[in-house]
Amino acid sequence: MTRDKAIDGWDNLSVASAQPLLYTTYEIPRLGFHQLYANATLPAYATKDSACFDLAAHLIDAEGNLRVIKSVDPQNSMSDMLRMASDLLIPPATTVLIPTGLIAKIPSGYSVRVHMRSSVALKRGLILPNGEGVIDADYFDELFLMVRNASNAVVTVKHGERICQGELVQNVRFPIEQIHTRPEQTTDRTGGFGSTGV
């Protein structure tokens, strides 16, 4: 049957003979956040089409006390930072765990991926030392932002300042199995690490 005939014949179809339309319902997962402190900043999307929600630093508790900040210096020594003011000063080549004051309730089968905000990385040289943070659905402790100062200057972070951004991602888990036969090359590639050049 041609397209024109199919269209012309549509008027002759009765309601009883028409095939029912099938719809698949999809429940949108809900991501919850609990404030450990009344002054913790809840995550929010900056625009209606933002892929990620912003995560802010929580440096002062609800009573005005300074939060303890763990840091790792260039010699890989971890300690509590000595802070005399509300601002957090991050020296060069230093990694810090910035608290958020939040606990996430992540739906089963999902995880939250943490990325650095582009403007913070570009203008201030703050990066995620592990490239991307992964928060599992069974993690029920306070969320911390692991941030490293990759610049040559001291970087100041203020209480409530948006530092990172989070993304809810659906997990796909595959069975992991041991194979006893060494895999063989199946393409035209020759060589291992770095074999395709720079």
N, C-alpha and C. Protein backbone atom coordinates (compact mmCIF):
# COMPACT_ATOMS: atom_id res chain seq x y z
N MET A 1 0.85 -1.19 0.00
CA MET A 1 0.00 0.00 0.00
C MET A 1 0.89 1.24 0.00
N THR A 2 0.55 2.16 -0.88
CA THR A 2 1.34 3.39 -0.93
C THR A 2 0.93 4.29 0.21
N ARG A 3 1.79 5.33 0.42
CA ARG A 3 1.51 6.27 1.50
C ARG A 3 0.18 6.96 1.30
N ASP A 4 -0.12 7.37 0.02
CA ASP A 4 -1.37 8.08 -0.24
C ASP A 4 -2.58 7.20 0.04
N LYS A 5 -2.47 5.93 -0.36
CA LYS A 5 -3.59 5.03 -0.13
C LYS A 5 -3.78 4.78 1.36
N ALA A 6 -2.68 4.70 2.07
CA ALA A 6 -2.78 4.48 3.51
C ALA A 6 -3.48 5.65 4.18
N ILE A 7 -3.16 6.86 3.71
CA ILE A 7 -3.79 8.04 4.28
C ILE A 7 -5.26 8.10 3.90
N ASP A 8 -5.56 7.81 2.62
CA ASP A 8 -6.95 7.85 2.18
C ASP A 8 -7.79 6.80 2.89
N GLY A 9 -7.17 5.66 3.18
CA GLY A 9 -7.93 4.59 3.80
C GLY A 9 -8.15 4.80 5.28
N TRP A 10 -7.51 5.79 5.88
CA TRP A 10 -7.64 6.02 7.31
C TRP A 10 -9.08 6.32 7.72
N ASP A 11 -9.81 7.06 6.85
CA ASP A 11 -11.18 7.42 7.18
C ASP A 11 -12.09 6.22 7.27
N ASN A 12 -11.69 5.11 6.62
CA ASN A 12 -12.53 3.93 6.60
C ASN A 12 -12.33 3.05 7.84
N LEU A 13 -11.31 3.37 8.66
CA LEU A 13 -11.06 2.57 9.85
C LEU A 13 -12.07 2.92 10.94
N SER A 14 -12.63 1.92 11.53
CA SER A 14 -13.55 2.17 12.62
C SER A 14 -12.76 2.31 13.92
N VAL A 15 -13.38 2.88 14.92
CA VAL A 15 -12.72 3.02 16.21
C VAL A 15 -12.40 1.65 16.79
N ALA A 16 -13.28 0.69 16.54
CA ALA A 16 -13.08 -0.64 17.10
C ALA A 16 -11.88 -1.34 16.49
N SER A 17 -11.59 -1.06 15.22
CA SER A 17 -10.49 -1.75 14.55
C SER A 17 -9.15 -1.07 14.75
N ALA A 18 -9.19 0.15 15.24
CA ALA A 18 -7.93 0.88 15.44
C ALA A 18 -7.15 0.26 16.59
N GLN A 19 -5.82 0.15 16.42
CA GLN A 19 -4.97 -0.44 17.45
C GLN A 19 -4.83 0.53 18.63
N PRO A 20 -4.90 0.06 19.84
CA PRO A 20 -4.75 0.97 21.00
C PRO A 20 -3.32 1.47 21.10
N LEU A 21 -3.18 2.71 21.52
CA LEU A 21 -1.86 3.29 21.71
C LEU A 21 -1.33 2.88 23.07
N LEU A 22 -0.08 2.44 23.08
CA LEU A 22 0.54 1.99 24.32
C LEU A 22 1.49 3.06 24.84
N TYR A 23 1.37 3.41 26.09
CA TYR A 23 2.23 4.41 26.70
C TYR A 23 3.01 3.76 27.85
N THR A 24 4.26 4.11 27.93
CA THR A 24 5.08 3.63 29.02
C THR A 24 5.23 4.74 30.05
N THR A 25 4.83 4.46 31.27
CA THR A 25 4.96 5.47 32.32
C THR A 25 6.38 5.44 32.86
N TYR A 26 6.90 6.61 33.18
CA TYR A 26 8.26 6.73 33.70
C TYR A 26 8.23 7.64 34.91
N GLU A 27 8.65 7.09 36.03
CA GLU A 27 8.67 7.88 37.26
C GLU A 27 10.00 8.59 37.39
N ILE A 28 9.94 9.91 37.48
CA ILE A 28 11.16 10.70 37.61
C ILE A 28 11.75 10.48 38.99
N PRO A 29 13.03 10.07 39.05
CA PRO A 29 13.64 9.83 40.37
C PRO A 29 13.76 11.13 41.16
N ARG A 30 13.65 11.01 42.46
CA ARG A 30 13.74 12.18 43.33
C ARG A 30 15.04 12.13 44.11
N LEU A 31 15.74 13.24 44.11
CA LEU A 31 17.00 13.39 44.82
C LEU A 31 16.77 14.31 46.00
N GLY A 32 17.00 13.79 47.21
CA GLY A 32 16.73 14.58 48.40
C GLY A 32 18.00 15.05 49.09
N PHE A 33 17.89 16.17 49.78
CA PHE A 33 19.02 16.70 50.55
C PHE A 33 18.54 17.10 51.94
N HIS A 34 19.27 16.67 52.95
CA HIS A 34 18.98 17.02 54.33
C HIS A 34 20.01 18.04 54.82
N GLN A 35 19.54 19.13 55.41
CA GLN A 35 20.42 20.16 55.96
C GLN A 35 20.86 19.77 57.36
N LEU A 36 22.16 19.53 57.53
CA LEU A 36 22.70 19.28 58.86
C LEU A 36 22.70 20.55 59.69
N TYR A 37 22.72 21.68 59.03
CA TYR A 37 22.72 23.00 59.67
C TYR A 37 21.66 23.85 58.98
N ALA A 38 21.00 24.68 59.75
CA ALA A 38 19.92 25.49 59.20
C ALA A 38 20.42 26.47 58.14
N ASN A 39 21.71 26.83 58.20
CA ASN A 39 22.23 27.80 57.25
C ASN A 39 22.98 27.15 56.09
N ALA A 40 22.84 25.82 55.94
CA ALA A 40 23.45 25.15 54.79
C ALA A 40 22.66 25.49 53.53
N THR A 41 23.35 25.71 52.44
CA THR A 41 22.72 26.09 51.18
C THR A 41 22.24 24.86 50.43
N LEU A 42 20.94 24.81 50.16
CA LEU A 42 20.40 23.69 49.40
C LEU A 42 20.80 23.80 47.93
N PRO A 43 21.10 22.68 47.29
CA PRO A 43 21.47 22.70 45.87
C PRO A 43 20.32 23.25 45.02
N ALA A 44 20.68 23.90 43.92
CA ALA A 44 19.69 24.46 43.02
C ALA A 44 20.27 24.54 41.61
N TYR A 45 19.37 24.45 40.63
CA TYR A 45 19.77 24.62 39.24
C TYR A 45 19.82 26.12 38.93
N ALA A 46 20.89 26.56 38.26
CA ALA A 46 21.05 27.98 37.97
C ALA A 46 20.04 28.46 36.93
N THR A 47 19.74 27.61 35.94
CA THR A 47 18.78 27.96 34.89
C THR A 47 17.85 26.78 34.66
N LYS A 48 16.81 26.98 33.88
CA LYS A 48 15.83 25.91 33.65
C LYS A 48 16.41 24.77 32.84
N ASP A 49 17.49 25.01 32.09
CA ASP A 49 18.10 23.95 31.28
C ASP A 49 19.47 23.53 31.79
N SER A 50 19.81 23.91 33.01
CA SER A 50 21.10 23.50 33.57
C SER A 50 21.12 21.99 33.75
N ALA A 51 22.22 21.36 33.33
CA ALA A 51 22.36 19.92 33.48
C ALA A 51 22.71 19.54 34.91
N CYS A 52 23.36 20.45 35.62
CA CYS A 52 23.83 20.17 36.98
C CYS A 52 23.27 21.18 37.97
N PHE A 53 23.24 20.78 39.22
CA PHE A 53 22.83 21.68 40.30
C PHE A 53 24.08 22.11 41.06
N ASP A 54 24.05 23.33 41.58
CA ASP A 54 25.22 23.90 42.25
C ASP A 54 25.33 23.40 43.69
N LEU A 55 26.58 23.20 44.13
CA LEU A 55 26.89 22.81 45.50
C LEU A 55 27.75 23.90 46.13
N ALA A 56 27.36 24.34 47.31
CA ALA A 56 28.00 25.48 47.94
C ALA A 56 28.81 25.07 49.17
N ALA A 57 29.77 25.91 49.51
CA ALA A 57 30.62 25.69 50.68
C ALA A 57 29.86 26.05 51.95
N HIS A 58 30.01 25.22 52.98
CA HIS A 58 29.43 25.51 54.28
C HIS A 58 30.58 25.63 55.28
N LEU A 59 30.96 26.87 55.57
CA LEU A 59 32.16 27.14 56.36
C LEU A 59 31.87 27.60 57.78
N ILE A 60 30.62 27.99 58.05
CA ILE A 60 30.23 28.49 59.37
C ILE A 60 28.95 27.79 59.77
N ASP A 61 28.89 27.25 61.00
CA ASP A 61 27.66 26.58 61.41
C ASP A 61 26.60 27.60 61.81
N ALA A 62 25.43 27.10 62.18
CA ALA A 62 24.30 27.98 62.47
C ALA A 62 24.53 28.87 63.68
N GLU A 63 25.49 28.50 64.56
CA GLU A 63 25.80 29.32 65.74
C GLU A 63 26.95 30.28 65.48
N GLY A 64 27.46 30.30 64.26
CA GLY A 64 28.54 31.21 63.92
C GLY A 64 29.93 30.66 64.14
N ASN A 65 30.03 29.37 64.48
CA ASN A 65 31.34 28.76 64.68
C ASN A 65 31.96 28.33 63.35
N LEU A 66 33.30 28.41 63.28
CA LEU A 66 34.00 28.01 62.07
C LEU A 66 34.02 26.50 61.96
N ARG A 67 33.67 25.99 60.77
CA ARG A 67 33.74 24.54 60.54
C ARG A 67 35.20 24.10 60.40
N VAL A 68 35.50 22.89 60.85
CA VAL A 68 36.84 22.33 60.71
C VAL A 68 37.05 21.91 59.26
N ILE A 69 38.18 22.32 58.68
CA ILE A 69 38.50 22.00 57.29
C ILE A 69 39.74 21.12 57.26
N LYS A 70 39.60 19.94 56.68
CA LYS A 70 40.74 19.05 56.49
C LYS A 70 41.50 19.48 55.24
N SER A 71 42.83 19.44 55.33
CA SER A 71 43.64 19.82 54.18
C SER A 71 44.82 18.88 54.02
N VAL A 72 45.33 18.79 52.80
CA VAL A 72 46.53 18.02 52.49
C VAL A 72 47.50 18.97 51.81
N ASP A 73 48.68 19.16 52.42
CA ASP A 73 49.66 20.12 51.89
C ASP A 73 50.50 19.47 50.79
N PRO A 74 51.42 20.25 50.17
CA PRO A 74 52.25 19.69 49.08
C PRO A 74 53.09 18.49 49.49
N GLN A 75 53.32 18.30 50.79
CA GLN A 75 54.08 17.15 51.27
C GLN A 75 53.17 15.96 51.60
N ASN A 76 51.90 16.06 51.19
CA ASN A 76 50.91 15.01 51.41
C ASN A 76 50.64 14.74 52.90
N SER A 77 50.74 15.79 53.68
CA SER A 77 50.44 15.69 55.11
C SER A 77 49.04 16.25 55.37
N MET A 78 48.17 15.43 55.99
CA MET A 78 46.80 15.87 56.27
C MET A 78 46.72 16.48 57.66
N SER A 79 45.99 17.57 57.78
CA SER A 79 45.82 18.24 59.06
C SER A 79 44.57 19.11 59.02
N ASP A 80 44.18 19.63 60.18
CA ASP A 80 43.09 20.59 60.26
C ASP A 80 43.65 21.98 59.99
N MET A 81 43.01 22.72 59.11
CA MET A 81 43.49 24.06 58.78
C MET A 81 43.23 25.02 59.94
N LEU A 82 44.18 25.88 60.19
CA LEU A 82 44.01 26.93 61.20
C LEU A 82 43.33 28.12 60.54
N ARG A 83 42.11 28.40 61.00
CA ARG A 83 41.32 29.49 60.41
C ARG A 83 41.03 30.54 61.47
N MET A 84 41.24 31.80 61.10
CA MET A 84 40.98 32.91 62.02
C MET A 84 39.78 33.74 61.58
N ALA A 85 39.25 33.44 60.37
CA ALA A 85 38.12 34.20 59.85
C ALA A 85 37.18 33.27 59.10
N SER A 86 36.03 33.79 58.71
CA SER A 86 35.02 32.96 58.07
C SER A 86 35.47 32.48 56.69
N ASP A 87 36.28 33.27 56.01
CA ASP A 87 36.76 32.89 54.68
C ASP A 87 37.76 31.74 54.79
N LEU A 88 37.74 30.88 53.78
CA LEU A 88 38.70 29.79 53.69
C LEU A 88 39.80 30.18 52.71
N LEU A 89 41.04 30.21 53.17
CA LEU A 89 42.17 30.55 52.33
C LEU A 89 42.91 29.27 51.96
N ILE A 90 42.94 28.97 50.65
CA ILE A 90 43.57 27.74 50.17
C ILE A 90 44.91 28.08 49.54
N PRO A 91 46.03 27.67 50.15
CA PRO A 91 47.35 27.95 49.58
C PRO A 91 47.55 27.16 48.28
N PRO A 92 48.53 27.56 47.47
CA PRO A 92 48.83 26.82 46.25
C PRO A 92 49.22 25.37 46.56
N ALA A 93 48.90 24.48 45.63
CA ALA A 93 49.25 23.06 45.72
C ALA A 93 48.69 22.39 46.97
N THR A 94 47.57 22.89 47.46
CA THR A 94 46.94 22.34 48.65
C THR A 94 45.54 21.81 48.31
N THR A 95 45.21 20.65 48.84
CA THR A 95 43.90 20.05 48.65
C THR A 95 43.10 20.16 49.94
N VAL A 96 41.84 20.54 49.83
CA VAL A 96 40.99 20.70 51.00
C VAL A 96 39.68 19.94 50.81
N LEU A 97 39.08 19.55 51.93
CA LEU A 97 37.75 18.96 51.92
C LEU A 97 36.77 20.03 52.40
N ILE A 98 36.03 20.60 51.47
CA ILE A 98 35.10 21.67 51.79
C ILE A 98 33.75 21.06 52.16
N PRO A 99 33.26 21.29 53.39
CA PRO A 99 31.97 20.73 53.78
C PRO A 99 30.82 21.45 53.10
N THR A 100 29.72 20.72 52.92
CA THR A 100 28.52 21.31 52.33
C THR A 100 27.40 21.48 53.36
N GLY A 101 27.51 20.78 54.50
CA GLY A 101 26.43 20.83 55.47
C GLY A 101 25.21 20.04 55.05
N LEU A 102 25.37 19.14 54.07
CA LEU A 102 24.25 18.40 53.50
C LEU A 102 24.50 16.89 53.52
N ILE A 103 23.43 16.14 53.63
CA ILE A 103 23.44 14.70 53.39
C ILE A 103 22.46 14.42 52.27
N ALA A 104 22.89 13.66 51.29
CA ALA A 104 22.05 13.38 50.13
C ALA A 104 21.31 12.06 50.29
N LYS A 105 20.07 12.01 49.84
CA LYS A 105 19.32 10.77 49.72
C LYS A 105 19.20 10.48 48.23
N ILE A 106 20.07 9.61 47.75
CA ILE A 106 20.17 9.32 46.32
C ILE A 106 19.35 8.07 46.02
N PRO A 107 18.50 8.11 45.00
CA PRO A 107 17.68 6.93 44.69
C PRO A 107 18.55 5.74 44.29
N SER A 108 18.10 4.54 44.68
CA SER A 108 18.83 3.33 44.34
C SER A 108 18.95 3.19 42.82
N GLY A 109 20.14 2.78 42.36
CA GLY A 109 20.37 2.66 40.93
C GLY A 109 20.94 3.92 40.30
N TYR A 110 21.17 4.93 41.14
CA TYR A 110 21.72 6.20 40.65
C TYR A 110 22.93 6.58 41.50
N SER A 111 23.67 7.54 41.02
CA SER A 111 24.77 8.14 41.77
C SER A 111 24.84 9.61 41.42
N VAL A 112 25.50 10.37 42.26
CA VAL A 112 25.72 11.79 41.97
C VAL A 112 27.17 11.98 41.56
N ARG A 113 27.38 12.59 40.42
CA ARG A 113 28.72 12.90 39.95
C ARG A 113 28.99 14.37 40.22
N VAL A 114 30.14 14.65 40.80
CA VAL A 114 30.49 16.01 41.18
C VAL A 114 31.54 16.55 40.21
N HIS A 115 31.27 17.73 39.67
CA HIS A 115 32.19 18.40 38.75
C HIS A 115 32.53 19.78 39.31
N MET A 116 33.66 20.30 38.90
CA MET A 116 34.00 21.67 39.26
C MET A 116 33.20 22.64 38.39
N ARG A 117 32.75 23.73 38.97
CA ARG A 117 32.10 24.77 38.16
C ARG A 117 33.13 25.38 37.24
N SER A 118 32.77 25.56 35.98
CA SER A 118 33.71 26.02 34.96
C SER A 118 34.35 27.36 35.32
N SER A 119 33.54 28.28 35.81
CA SER A 119 34.07 29.62 36.11
C SER A 119 35.07 29.57 37.26
N VAL A 120 34.84 28.69 38.23
CA VAL A 120 35.76 28.58 39.37
C VAL A 120 37.10 28.01 38.91
N ALA A 121 37.05 27.02 38.03
CA ALA A 121 38.29 26.43 37.53
C ALA A 121 39.05 27.41 36.64
N LEU A 122 38.34 28.10 35.78
CA LEU A 122 38.99 29.01 34.83
C LEU A 122 39.58 30.25 35.50
N LYS A 123 38.81 30.89 36.36
CA LYS A 123 39.22 32.17 36.91
C LYS A 123 40.07 32.06 38.18
N ARG A 124 39.96 30.91 38.87
CA ARG A 124 40.63 30.83 40.16
C ARG A 124 41.56 29.63 40.30
N GLY A 125 41.54 28.74 39.34
CA GLY A 125 42.49 27.63 39.37
C GLY A 125 42.16 26.52 40.33
N LEU A 126 40.90 26.42 40.78
CA LEU A 126 40.50 25.32 41.64
C LEU A 126 40.05 24.15 40.78
N ILE A 127 40.50 22.94 41.13
CA ILE A 127 40.16 21.75 40.36
C ILE A 127 39.76 20.63 41.30
N LEU A 128 39.19 19.58 40.74
CA LEU A 128 38.96 18.35 41.49
C LEU A 128 40.16 17.44 41.26
N PRO A 129 40.92 17.11 42.28
CA PRO A 129 42.14 16.33 42.07
C PRO A 129 41.89 14.93 41.53
N ASN A 130 40.69 14.39 41.76
CA ASN A 130 40.38 13.07 41.22
C ASN A 130 39.58 13.15 39.92
N GLY A 131 39.48 14.34 39.34
CA GLY A 131 38.80 14.50 38.05
C GLY A 131 37.30 14.61 38.17
N GLU A 132 36.70 13.70 38.91
CA GLU A 132 35.25 13.68 39.10
C GLU A 132 34.93 12.98 40.40
N GLY A 133 34.06 13.57 41.19
CA GLY A 133 33.63 12.92 42.41
C GLY A 133 32.45 12.01 42.15
N VAL A 134 32.39 10.88 42.84
CA VAL A 134 31.29 9.94 42.71
C VAL A 134 30.69 9.70 44.09
N ILE A 135 29.40 9.96 44.24
CA ILE A 135 28.70 9.74 45.50
C ILE A 135 27.69 8.61 45.27
N ASP A 136 27.89 7.51 45.99
CA ASP A 136 27.03 6.35 45.84
C ASP A 136 25.71 6.53 46.56
N ALA A 137 24.72 5.74 46.15
CA ALA A 137 23.39 5.84 46.75
C ALA A 137 23.38 5.36 48.20
N ASP A 138 24.38 4.55 48.60
CA ASP A 138 24.41 4.06 49.98
C ASP A 138 25.35 4.88 50.86
N TYR A 139 25.72 6.07 50.42
CA TYR A 139 26.53 6.98 51.24
C TYR A 139 25.59 7.93 51.97
N PHE A 140 25.60 7.88 53.29
CA PHE A 140 24.67 8.69 54.08
C PHE A 140 25.38 9.57 55.09
N ASP A 141 26.54 10.08 54.71
CA ASP A 141 27.27 11.03 55.55
C ASP A 141 27.27 12.40 54.88
N GLU A 142 27.87 13.37 55.57
CA GLU A 142 27.94 14.71 54.98
C GLU A 142 28.73 14.68 53.68
N LEU A 143 28.28 15.49 52.73
CA LEU A 143 28.97 15.61 51.46
C LEU A 143 30.11 16.62 51.60
N PHE A 144 31.29 16.24 51.10
CA PHE A 144 32.44 17.13 51.07
C PHE A 144 32.90 17.31 49.63
N LEU A 145 33.41 18.48 49.34
CA LEU A 145 33.94 18.79 48.02
C LEU A 145 35.46 18.76 48.11
N MET A 146 36.08 17.78 47.46
CA MET A 146 37.54 17.68 47.47
C MET A 146 38.11 18.58 46.38
N VAL A 147 38.73 19.67 46.79
CA VAL A 147 39.16 20.72 45.87
C VAL A 147 40.66 20.97 46.04
N ARG A 148 41.34 21.17 44.94
CA ARG A 148 42.78 21.46 44.97
C ARG A 148 43.05 22.80 44.30
N ASN A 149 43.92 23.57 44.91
CA ASN A 149 44.35 24.84 44.33
C ASN A 149 45.53 24.58 43.40
N ALA A 150 45.25 24.62 42.10
CA ALA A 150 46.28 24.36 41.10
C ALA A 150 46.96 25.64 40.62
N SER A 151 46.60 26.77 41.23
CA SER A 151 47.20 28.04 40.83
C SER A 151 48.45 28.33 41.67
N ASN A 152 49.08 29.47 41.40
CA ASN A 152 50.26 29.89 42.16
C ASN A 152 49.94 30.94 43.22
N ALA A 153 48.66 31.16 43.45
CA ALA A 153 48.24 32.17 44.41
C ALA A 153 47.27 31.58 45.41
N VAL A 154 47.13 32.23 46.56
CA VAL A 154 46.15 31.81 47.56
C VAL A 154 44.75 32.12 47.03
N VAL A 155 43.85 31.15 47.13
CA VAL A 155 42.48 31.31 46.66
C VAL A 155 41.54 31.41 47.86
N THR A 156 40.65 32.38 47.83
CA THR A 156 39.70 32.59 48.92
C THR A 156 38.34 32.02 48.56
N VAL A 157 37.79 31.21 49.47
CA VAL A 157 36.44 30.66 49.31
C VAL A 157 35.58 31.20 50.45
N LYS A 158 34.41 31.72 50.12
CA LYS A 158 33.52 32.30 51.11
C LYS A 158 32.39 31.34 51.46
N HIS A 159 31.86 31.52 52.67
CA HIS A 159 30.73 30.72 53.13
C HIS A 159 29.55 30.92 52.18
N GLY A 160 28.93 29.82 51.76
CA GLY A 160 27.76 29.90 50.87
C GLY A 160 28.11 30.05 49.42
N GLU A 161 29.38 30.11 49.09
CA GLU A 161 29.79 30.29 47.69
C GLU A 161 29.64 28.98 46.92
N ARG A 162 29.11 29.08 45.71
CA ARG A 162 28.96 27.91 44.85
C ARG A 162 30.33 27.51 44.31
N ILE A 163 30.73 26.29 44.60
CA ILE A 163 32.06 25.82 44.21
C ILE A 163 31.99 24.73 43.15
N CYS A 164 31.16 23.74 43.39
CA CYS A 164 31.06 22.60 42.47
C CYS A 164 29.63 22.47 41.95
N GLN A 165 29.43 21.49 41.10
CA GLN A 165 28.10 21.19 40.59
C GLN A 165 27.91 19.68 40.56
N GLY A 166 26.68 19.26 40.83
CA GLY A 166 26.38 17.84 40.89
C GLY A 166 25.43 17.43 39.78
N GLU A 167 25.51 16.15 39.44
CA GLU A 167 24.70 15.60 38.35
C GLU A 167 24.20 14.22 38.77
N LEU A 168 22.89 14.01 38.71
CA LEU A 168 22.33 12.70 39.02
C LEU A 168 22.45 11.81 37.79
N VAL A 169 23.11 10.66 37.95
CA VAL A 169 23.40 9.78 36.83
C VAL A 169 22.88 8.39 37.13
N GLN A 170 22.22 7.79 36.15
CA GLN A 170 21.74 6.41 36.32
C GLN A 170 22.89 5.44 36.11
N ASN A 171 23.01 4.48 37.01
CA ASN A 171 24.09 3.51 36.92
C ASN A 171 23.70 2.33 36.04
N VAL A 172 24.65 1.83 35.30
CA VAL A 172 24.47 0.59 34.54
C VAL A 172 25.52 -0.39 35.05
N ARG A 173 25.08 -1.43 35.74
CA ARG A 173 26.00 -2.40 36.32
C ARG A 173 26.07 -3.64 35.44
N PHE A 174 27.28 -4.05 35.12
CA PHE A 174 27.50 -5.23 34.31
C PHE A 174 28.15 -6.31 35.17
N PRO A 175 27.85 -7.58 34.88
CA PRO A 175 28.53 -8.66 35.60
C PRO A 175 30.03 -8.62 35.32
N ILE A 176 30.84 -8.83 36.35
CA ILE A 176 32.29 -8.90 36.20
C ILE A 176 32.70 -10.35 36.33
N GLU A 177 33.43 -10.84 35.34
CA GLU A 177 33.82 -12.24 35.36
C GLU A 177 35.30 -12.39 35.03
N GLN A 178 35.87 -13.46 35.50
CA GLN A 178 37.26 -13.77 35.18
C GLN A 178 37.30 -14.55 33.88
N ILE A 179 38.23 -14.16 32.98
CA ILE A 179 38.43 -14.91 31.75
C ILE A 179 39.85 -15.47 31.78
N HIS A 180 40.01 -16.69 31.30
CA HIS A 180 41.28 -17.39 31.41
C HIS A 180 42.10 -17.34 30.13
N THR A 181 41.49 -16.83 29.06
CA THR A 181 42.21 -16.70 27.80
C THR A 181 42.53 -15.24 27.56
N ARG A 182 43.79 -14.94 27.26
CA ARG A 182 44.19 -13.57 27.04
C ARG A 182 43.45 -12.98 25.83
N PRO A 183 42.83 -11.78 25.99
CA PRO A 183 42.13 -11.17 24.86
C PRO A 183 43.09 -10.88 23.71
N GLU A 184 42.59 -11.01 22.47
CA GLU A 184 43.39 -10.75 21.28
C GLU A 184 42.91 -9.48 20.60
N GLN A 185 43.81 -8.86 19.88
CA GLN A 185 43.48 -7.63 19.15
C GLN A 185 42.47 -7.94 18.06
N THR A 186 41.43 -7.10 17.98
CA THR A 186 40.36 -7.33 16.99
C THR A 186 40.26 -6.20 15.99
N THR A 187 41.16 -5.18 16.09
CA THR A 187 41.15 -4.06 15.15
C THR A 187 42.52 -3.91 14.54
N ASP A 188 42.74 -2.81 13.81
CA ASP A 188 44.01 -2.57 13.14
C ASP A 188 45.01 -1.86 14.06
N ARG A 189 44.68 -1.69 15.32
CA ARG A 189 45.58 -1.02 16.25
C ARG A 189 46.76 -1.93 16.59
N THR A 190 47.94 -1.34 16.65
CA THR A 190 49.15 -2.07 17.05
C THR A 190 49.80 -1.34 18.22
N GLY A 191 50.21 -2.10 19.23
CA GLY A 191 50.85 -1.48 20.38
C GLY A 191 49.87 -1.18 21.49
N GLY A 192 50.41 -0.76 22.64
CA GLY A 192 49.60 -0.50 23.81
C GLY A 192 49.50 0.97 24.14
N PHE A 193 49.82 1.31 25.39
CA PHE A 193 49.67 2.68 25.88
C PHE A 193 50.48 3.65 25.03
N GLY A 194 49.83 4.70 24.51
CA GLY A 194 50.49 5.71 23.70
C GLY A 194 50.73 5.30 22.26
N SER A 195 50.19 4.17 21.84
CA SER A 195 50.49 3.68 20.49
C SER A 195 49.85 4.50 19.37
N THR A 196 48.83 5.30 19.70
CA THR A 196 48.18 6.10 18.66
C THR A 196 48.80 7.49 18.53
N GLY A 197 49.87 7.76 19.30
CA GLY A 197 50.55 9.06 19.18
C GLY A 197 49.97 10.10 20.10
N VAL A 198 50.48 11.33 19.97
CA VAL A 198 50.04 12.43 20.81
C VAL A 198 49.35 13.48 19.97
